[in-house]
């Protein structure tokens, strides 16, 4: 599996893959988020679940890496 992550399309920050299980069940889920706590994509990410951990992780990485690059706004 290719887990190489592109940088955040909003702020250019480092991205991170997370793998976990829902509290109510043993259903695994994976997501990628920006590690910059002030970035919109720090908490707003797509979750992938229902498959094996490795498959969820690859879907999350693929979805993150397909995002369009958006120029960072500097205020």
PDB file of N, CA and C in Angstrom:
ATOM      1  N   UNK A   1       0.833  -1.174   0.000  1.00  0.00           N
ATOM      2  CA  UNK A   1       0.000   0.000   0.000  1.00  0.00           C
ATOM      3  C   UNK A   1       0.878   1.237   0.000  1.00  0.00           C
ATOM      4  N   UNK A   2       0.466   2.238  -0.761  1.00  0.00           N
ATOM      5  CA  UNK A   2       1.189   3.505  -0.815  1.00  0.00           C
ATOM      6  C   UNK A   2       0.574   4.463   0.193  1.00  0.00           C
ATOM      7  N   UNK A   3       1.291   4.750   1.279  1.00  0.00           N
ATOM      8  CA  UNK A   3       0.770   5.659   2.296  1.00  0.00           C
ATOM      9  C   UNK A   3       1.416   7.032   2.233  1.00  0.00           C
ATOM     10  N   UNK A   4       2.118   7.344   1.126  1.00  0.00           N
ATOM     11  CA  UNK A   4       2.734   8.658   0.988  1.00  0.00           C
ATOM     12  C   UNK A   4       1.633   9.707   0.858  1.00  0.00           C
ATOM     13  N   UNK A   5       1.651  10.700   1.728  1.00  0.00           N
ATOM     14  CA  UNK A   5       0.610  11.730   1.743  1.00  0.00           C
ATOM     15  C   UNK A   5       1.127  13.047   1.190  1.00  0.00           C
ATOM     16  N   UNK A   6       0.302  13.687   0.366  1.00  0.00           N
ATOM     17  CA  UNK A   6       0.612  15.033  -0.090  1.00  0.00           C
ATOM     18  C   UNK A   6       0.391  15.989   1.078  1.00  0.00           C
ATOM     19  N   UNK A   7       0.982  17.158   0.977  1.00  0.00           N
ATOM     20  CA  UNK A   7       0.752  18.166   2.013  1.00  0.00           C
ATOM     21  C   UNK A   7      -0.689  18.673   1.926  1.00  0.00           C
ATOM     22  N   UNK A   8      -1.125  19.399   2.939  1.00  0.00           N
ATOM     23  CA  UNK A   8      -2.488  19.913   2.997  1.00  0.00           C
ATOM     24  C   UNK A   8      -2.737  20.867   1.829  1.00  0.00           C
ATOM     25  N   UNK A   9      -3.861  20.693   1.113  1.00  0.00           N
ATOM     26  CA  UNK A   9      -4.148  21.577  -0.022  1.00  0.00           C
ATOM     27  C   UNK A   9      -4.554  22.984   0.401  1.00  0.00           C
ATOM     28  N   UNK A  10      -4.897  23.195   1.663  1.00  0.00           N
ATOM     29  CA  UNK A  10      -5.298  24.515   2.136  1.00  0.00           C
ATOM     30  C   UNK A  10      -4.132  25.320   2.685  1.00  0.00           C
ATOM     31  N   UNK A  11      -3.343  24.704   3.572  1.00  0.00           N
ATOM     32  CA  UNK A  11      -2.288  25.488   4.234  1.00  0.00           C
ATOM     33  C   UNK A  11      -0.881  24.997   3.914  1.00  0.00           C
ATOM     34  N   UNK A  12      -0.754  23.844   3.248  1.00  0.00           N
ATOM     35  CA  UNK A  12       0.559  23.304   2.931  1.00  0.00           C
ATOM     36  C   UNK A  12       1.182  22.543   4.084  1.00  0.00           C
ATOM     37  N   UNK A  13       0.429  22.354   5.171  1.00  0.00           N
ATOM     38  CA  UNK A  13       0.930  21.656   6.351  1.00  0.00           C
ATOM     39  C   UNK A  13       1.077  20.161   6.132  1.00  0.00           C
ATOM     40  N   UNK A  14       1.667  19.509   7.108  1.00  0.00           N
ATOM     41  CA  UNK A  14       1.889  18.068   7.069  1.00  0.00           C
ATOM     42  C   UNK A  14       0.570  17.331   7.296  1.00  0.00           C
ATOM     43  N   UNK A  15       0.342  16.284   6.522  1.00  0.00           N
ATOM     44  CA  UNK A  15      -0.849  15.447   6.672  1.00  0.00           C
ATOM     45  C   UNK A  15      -0.497  14.208   7.476  1.00  0.00           C
ATOM     46  N   UNK A  16      -1.514  13.638   8.129  1.00  0.00           N
ATOM     47  CA  UNK A  16      -1.297  12.466   8.970  1.00  0.00           C
ATOM     48  C   UNK A  16      -2.456  11.480   8.786  1.00  0.00           C
ATOM     49  N   UNK A  17      -2.133  10.202   8.645  1.00  0.00           N
ATOM     50  CA  UNK A  17      -3.122   9.134   8.550  1.00  0.00           C
ATOM     51  C   UNK A  17      -3.425   8.622   9.946  1.00  0.00           C
ATOM     52  N   UNK A  18      -4.702   8.484  10.271  1.00  0.00           N
ATOM     53  CA  UNK A  18      -5.128   7.941  11.563  1.00  0.00           C
ATOM     54  C   UNK A  18      -5.972   6.697  11.310  1.00  0.00           C
ATOM     55  N   UNK A  19      -5.783   5.675  12.135  1.00  0.00           N
ATOM     56  CA  UNK A  19      -6.562   4.447  12.067  1.00  0.00           C
ATOM     57  C   UNK A  19      -7.117   4.169  13.453  1.00  0.00           C
ATOM     58  N   UNK A  20      -8.408   3.858  13.540  1.00  0.00           N
ATOM     59  CA  UNK A  20      -9.034   3.640  14.846  1.00  0.00           C
ATOM     60  C   UNK A  20     -10.237   2.711  14.688  1.00  0.00           C
ATOM     61  N   UNK A  21     -10.989   2.547  15.778  1.00  0.00           N
ATOM     62  CA  UNK A  21     -12.220   1.759  15.778  1.00  0.00           C
ATOM     63  C   UNK A  21     -13.321   2.595  16.410  1.00  0.00           C
ATOM     64  N   UNK A  22     -14.549   2.452  15.872  1.00  0.00           N
ATOM     65  CA  UNK A  22     -15.684   3.142  16.459  1.00  0.00           C
ATOM     66  C   UNK A  22     -15.896   2.643  17.882  1.00  0.00           C
ATOM     67  N   UNK A  23     -16.296   3.509  18.766  1.00  0.00           N
ATOM     68  CA  UNK A  23     -16.479   3.148  20.168  1.00  0.00           C
ATOM     69  C   UNK A  23     -17.534   2.061  20.367  1.00  0.00           C
ATOM     70  N   UNK A  24     -18.622   2.132  19.606  1.00  0.00           N
ATOM     71  CA  UNK A  24     -19.736   1.212  19.805  1.00  0.00           C
ATOM     72  C   UNK A  24     -19.496  -0.173  19.222  1.00  0.00           C
ATOM     73  N   UNK A  25     -18.494  -0.310  18.377  1.00  0.00           N
ATOM     74  CA  UNK A  25     -18.283  -1.594  17.707  1.00  0.00           C
ATOM     75  C   UNK A  25     -16.800  -1.788  17.423  1.00  0.00           C
ATOM     76  N   UNK A  26     -16.503  -2.872  16.780  1.00  0.00           N
ATOM     77  CA  UNK A  26     -15.126  -3.153  16.374  1.00  0.00           C
ATOM     78  C   UNK A  26     -14.879  -2.702  14.942  1.00  0.00           C
ATOM     79  N   UNK A  27     -15.816  -1.927  14.367  1.00  0.00           N
ATOM     80  CA  UNK A  27     -15.671  -1.470  12.990  1.00  0.00           C
ATOM     81  C   UNK A  27     -14.491  -0.509  12.867  1.00  0.00           C
ATOM     82  N   UNK A  28     -13.537  -0.830  12.011  1.00  0.00           N
ATOM     83  CA  UNK A  28     -12.383   0.058  11.850  1.00  0.00           C
ATOM     84  C   UNK A  28     -12.723   1.260  10.964  1.00  0.00           C
ATOM     85  N   UNK A  29     -12.018   2.343  11.177  1.00  0.00           N
ATOM     86  CA  UNK A  29     -12.121   3.471  10.261  1.00  0.00           C
ATOM     87  C   UNK A  29     -10.764   4.143  10.159  1.00  0.00           C
ATOM     88  N   UNK A  30     -10.577   4.844   9.051  1.00  0.00           N
ATOM     89  CA  UNK A  30      -9.330   5.557   8.787  1.00  0.00           C
ATOM     90  C   UNK A  30      -9.653   6.945   8.278  1.00  0.00           C
ATOM     91  N   UNK A  31      -8.756   7.883   8.537  1.00  0.00           N
ATOM     92  CA  UNK A  31      -8.915   9.217   7.983  1.00  0.00           C
ATOM     93  C   UNK A  31      -7.558   9.896   7.899  1.00  0.00           C
ATOM     94  N   UNK A  32      -7.497  10.907   7.051  1.00  0.00           N
ATOM     95  CA  UNK A  32      -6.298  11.730   6.916  1.00  0.00           C
ATOM     96  C   UNK A  32      -6.705  13.144   7.299  1.00  0.00           C
ATOM     97  N   UNK A  33      -5.848  13.808   8.056  1.00  0.00           N
ATOM     98  CA  UNK A  33      -6.138  15.187   8.428  1.00  0.00           C
ATOM     99  C   UNK A  33      -4.843  16.001   8.423  1.00  0.00           C
ATOM    100  N   UNK A  34      -5.009  17.308   8.405  1.00  0.00           N
ATOM    101  CA  UNK A  34      -3.875  18.225   8.481  1.00  0.00           C
ATOM    102  C   UNK A  34      -3.459  18.336   9.946  1.00  0.00           C
ATOM    103  N   UNK A  35      -2.164  18.342  10.215  1.00  0.00           N
ATOM    104  CA  UNK A  35      -1.684  18.433  11.601  1.00  0.00           C
ATOM    105  C   UNK A  35      -1.632  19.871  12.119  1.00  0.00           C
ATOM    106  N   UNK A  36      -1.862  20.851  11.244  1.00  0.00           N
ATOM    107  CA  UNK A  36      -1.898  22.260  11.642  1.00  0.00           C
ATOM    108  C   UNK A  36      -3.232  22.520  12.344  1.00  0.00           C
ATOM    109  N   UNK A  37      -3.199  22.789  13.638  1.00  0.00           N
ATOM    110  CA  UNK A  37      -4.421  22.940  14.428  1.00  0.00           C
ATOM    111  C   UNK A  37      -5.278  24.132  14.020  1.00  0.00           C
ATOM    112  N   UNK A  38      -4.724  25.098  13.310  1.00  0.00           N
ATOM    113  CA  UNK A  38      -5.510  26.248  12.877  1.00  0.00           C
ATOM    114  C   UNK A  38      -6.111  26.058  11.483  1.00  0.00           C
ATOM    115  N   UNK A  39      -5.828  24.953  10.836  1.00  0.00           N
ATOM    116  CA  UNK A  39      -6.319  24.690   9.480  1.00  0.00           C
ATOM    117  C   UNK A  39      -7.721  24.086   9.505  1.00  0.00           C
ATOM    118  N   UNK A  40      -8.519  24.430   8.520  1.00  0.00           N
ATOM    119  CA  UNK A  40      -9.867  23.886   8.365  1.00  0.00           C
ATOM    120  C   UNK A  40      -9.850  22.370   8.281  1.00  0.00           C
ATOM    121  N   UNK A  41      -8.836  21.798   7.660  1.00  0.00           N
ATOM    122  CA  UNK A  41      -8.786  20.350   7.478  1.00  0.00           C
ATOM    123  C   UNK A  41      -8.165  19.608   8.658  1.00  0.00           C
ATOM    124  N   UNK A  42      -7.964  20.297   9.775  1.00  0.00           N
ATOM    125  CA  UNK A  42      -7.471  19.620  10.969  1.00  0.00           C
ATOM    126  C   UNK A  42      -8.565  18.715  11.540  1.00  0.00           C
ATOM    127  N   UNK A  43      -9.810  19.133  11.479  1.00  0.00           N
ATOM    128  CA  UNK A  43     -10.921  18.341  12.017  1.00  0.00           C
ATOM    129  C   UNK A  43     -11.929  17.922  10.954  1.00  0.00           C
ATOM    130  N   UNK A  44     -11.939  18.555   9.805  1.00  0.00           N
ATOM    131  CA  UNK A  44     -12.928  18.255   8.766  1.00  0.00           C
ATOM    132  C   UNK A  44     -12.330  17.348   7.706  1.00  0.00           C
ATOM    133  N   UNK A  45     -12.518  16.042   7.879  1.00  0.00           N
ATOM    134  CA  UNK A  45     -11.962  15.064   6.950  1.00  0.00           C
ATOM    135  C   UNK A  45     -12.982  13.987   6.661  1.00  0.00           C
ATOM    136  N   UNK A  46     -12.769  13.259   5.577  1.00  0.00           N
ATOM    137  CA  UNK A  46     -13.637  12.132   5.238  1.00  0.00           C
ATOM    138  C   UNK A  46     -13.147  10.890   5.967  1.00  0.00           C
ATOM    139  N   UNK A  47     -14.079  10.097   6.459  1.00  0.00           N
ATOM    140  CA  UNK A  47     -13.748   8.844   7.143  1.00  0.00           C
ATOM    141  C   UNK A  47     -14.100   7.680   6.231  1.00  0.00           C
ATOM    142  N   UNK A  48     -13.319   6.634   6.272  1.00  0.00           N
ATOM    143  CA  UNK A  48     -13.562   5.436   5.489  1.00  0.00           C
ATOM    144  C   UNK A  48     -13.650   4.259   6.436  1.00  0.00           C
ATOM    145  N   UNK A  49     -14.753   3.504   6.347  1.00  0.00           N
ATOM    146  CA  UNK A  49     -14.923   2.387   7.275  1.00  0.00           C
ATOM    147  C   UNK A  49     -15.665   1.233   6.613  1.00  0.00           C
ATOM    148  N   UNK A  50     -15.681   0.105   7.304  1.00  0.00           N
ATOM    149  CA  UNK A  50     -16.416  -1.055   6.833  1.00  0.00           C
ATOM    150  C   UNK A  50     -15.556  -2.124   6.208  1.00  0.00           C
ATOM    151  N   UNK A  51     -14.334  -1.782   5.850  1.00  0.00           N
ATOM    152  CA  UNK A  51     -13.411  -2.749   5.261  1.00  0.00           C
ATOM    153  C   UNK A  51     -12.304  -3.054   6.265  1.00  0.00           C
ATOM    154  N   UNK A  52     -11.382  -3.863   5.847  1.00  0.00           N
ATOM    155  CA  UNK A  52     -10.201  -4.140   6.668  1.00  0.00           C
ATOM    156  C   UNK A  52      -9.413  -2.849   6.868  1.00  0.00           C
ATOM    157  N   UNK A  53      -8.671  -2.776   7.966  1.00  0.00           N
ATOM    158  CA  UNK A  53      -7.909  -1.565   8.272  1.00  0.00           C
ATOM    159  C   UNK A  53      -7.056  -1.084   7.108  1.00  0.00           C
ATOM    160  N   UNK A  54      -6.338  -2.003   6.453  1.00  0.00           N
ATOM    161  CA  UNK A  54      -5.442  -1.615   5.358  1.00  0.00           C
ATOM    162  C   UNK A  54      -6.221  -1.022   4.192  1.00  0.00           C
ATOM    163  N   UNK A  55      -7.377  -1.590   3.872  1.00  0.00           N
ATOM    164  CA  UNK A  55      -8.176  -1.082   2.753  1.00  0.00           C
ATOM    165  C   UNK A  55      -8.747   0.292   3.096  1.00  0.00           C
ATOM    166  N   UNK A  56      -9.243   0.476   4.324  1.00  0.00           N
ATOM    167  CA  UNK A  56      -9.730   1.788   4.749  1.00  0.00           C
ATOM    168  C   UNK A  56      -8.624   2.827   4.655  1.00  0.00           C
ATOM    169  N   UNK A  57      -7.435   2.459   5.116  1.00  0.00           N
ATOM    170  CA  UNK A  57      -6.307   3.385   5.104  1.00  0.00           C
ATOM    171  C   UNK A  57      -5.953   3.801   3.690  1.00  0.00           C
ATOM    172  N   UNK A  58      -5.924   2.847   2.773  1.00  0.00           N
ATOM    173  CA  UNK A  58      -5.585   3.178   1.387  1.00  0.00           C
ATOM    174  C   UNK A  58      -6.644   4.086   0.773  1.00  0.00           C
ATOM    175  N   UNK A  59      -7.933   3.852   1.081  1.00  0.00           N
ATOM    176  CA  UNK A  59      -9.001   4.713   0.567  1.00  0.00           C
ATOM    177  C   UNK A  59      -8.851   6.132   1.106  1.00  0.00           C
ATOM    178  N   UNK A  60      -8.504   6.255   2.376  1.00  0.00           N
ATOM    179  CA  UNK A  60      -8.321   7.581   2.966  1.00  0.00           C
ATOM    180  C   UNK A  60      -7.144   8.307   2.330  1.00  0.00           C
ATOM    181  N   UNK A  61      -6.038   7.611   2.136  1.00  0.00           N
ATOM    182  CA  UNK A  61      -4.854   8.200   1.499  1.00  0.00           C
ATOM    183  C   UNK A  61      -5.173   8.606   0.060  1.00  0.00           C
ATOM    184  N   UNK A  62      -5.833   7.728  -0.689  1.00  0.00           N
ATOM    185  CA  UNK A  62      -6.180   8.030  -2.082  1.00  0.00           C
ATOM    186  C   UNK A  62      -7.079   9.266  -2.168  1.00  0.00           C
ATOM    187  N   UNK A  63      -8.084   9.345  -1.296  1.00  0.00           N
ATOM    188  CA  UNK A  63      -9.003  10.486  -1.318  1.00  0.00           C
ATOM    189  C   UNK A  63      -8.264  11.781  -0.985  1.00  0.00           C
ATOM    190  N   UNK A  64      -7.395  11.727   0.028  1.00  0.00           N
ATOM    191  CA  UNK A  64      -6.630  12.922   0.411  1.00  0.00           C
ATOM    192  C   UNK A  64      -5.736  13.382  -0.736  1.00  0.00           C
ATOM    193  N   UNK A  65      -5.032  12.446  -1.358  1.00  0.00           N
ATOM    194  CA  UNK A  65      -4.075  12.798  -2.404  1.00  0.00           C
ATOM    195  C   UNK A  65      -4.735  13.249  -3.695  1.00  0.00           C
ATOM    196  N   UNK A  66      -6.020  12.988  -3.883  1.00  0.00           N
ATOM    197  CA  UNK A  66      -6.721  13.420  -5.093  1.00  0.00           C
ATOM    198  C   UNK A  66      -7.274  14.829  -4.962  1.00  0.00           C
ATOM    199  N   UNK A  67      -7.166  15.439  -3.790  1.00  0.00           N
ATOM    200  CA  UNK A  67      -7.665  16.803  -3.601  1.00  0.00           C
ATOM    201  C   UNK A  67      -6.892  17.763  -4.507  1.00  0.00           C
ATOM    202  N   UNK A  68      -7.569  18.793  -4.932  1.00  0.00           N
ATOM    203  CA  UNK A  68      -6.929  19.831  -5.728  1.00  0.00           C
ATOM    204  C   UNK A  68      -6.064  20.705  -4.833  1.00  0.00           C
ATOM    205  N   UNK A  69      -4.957  21.170  -5.364  1.00  0.00           N
ATOM    206  CA  UNK A  69      -4.131  22.115  -4.612  1.00  0.00           C
ATOM    207  C   UNK A  69      -4.826  23.478  -4.624  1.00  0.00           C
ATOM    208  N   UNK A  70      -4.979  24.074  -3.477  1.00  0.00           N
ATOM    209  CA  UNK A  70      -5.640  25.369  -3.333  1.00  0.00           C
ATOM    210  C   UNK A  70      -4.609  26.341  -2.777  1.00  0.00           C
ATOM    211  N   UNK A  71      -4.371  27.456  -3.442  1.00  0.00           N
ATOM    212  CA  UNK A  71      -3.357  28.387  -2.940  1.00  0.00           C
ATOM    213  C   UNK A  71      -3.669  28.824  -1.505  1.00  0.00           C
ATOM    214  N   UNK A  72      -2.672  28.812  -0.649  1.00  0.00           N
ATOM    215  CA  UNK A  72      -2.851  29.232   0.745  1.00  0.00           C
ATOM    216  C   UNK A  72      -3.166  30.717   0.789  1.00  0.00           C
ATOM    217  N   UNK A  73      -4.083  31.087   1.661  1.00  0.00           N
ATOM    218  CA  UNK A  73      -4.440  32.489   1.845  1.00  0.00           C
ATOM    219  C   UNK A  73      -3.569  33.040   2.963  1.00  0.00           C
ATOM    220  N   UNK A  74      -2.914  34.141   2.691  1.00  0.00           N
ATOM    221  CA  UNK A  74      -2.069  34.771   3.692  1.00  0.00           C
ATOM    222  C   UNK A  74      -2.704  36.095   4.103  1.00  0.00           C
ATOM    223  N   UNK A  75      -3.006  36.217   5.378  1.00  0.00           N
ATOM    224  CA  UNK A  75      -3.626  37.454   5.885  1.00  0.00           C
ATOM    225  C   UNK A  75      -2.650  38.244   6.691  1.00  0.00           C
TER     226      UNK A  75
END
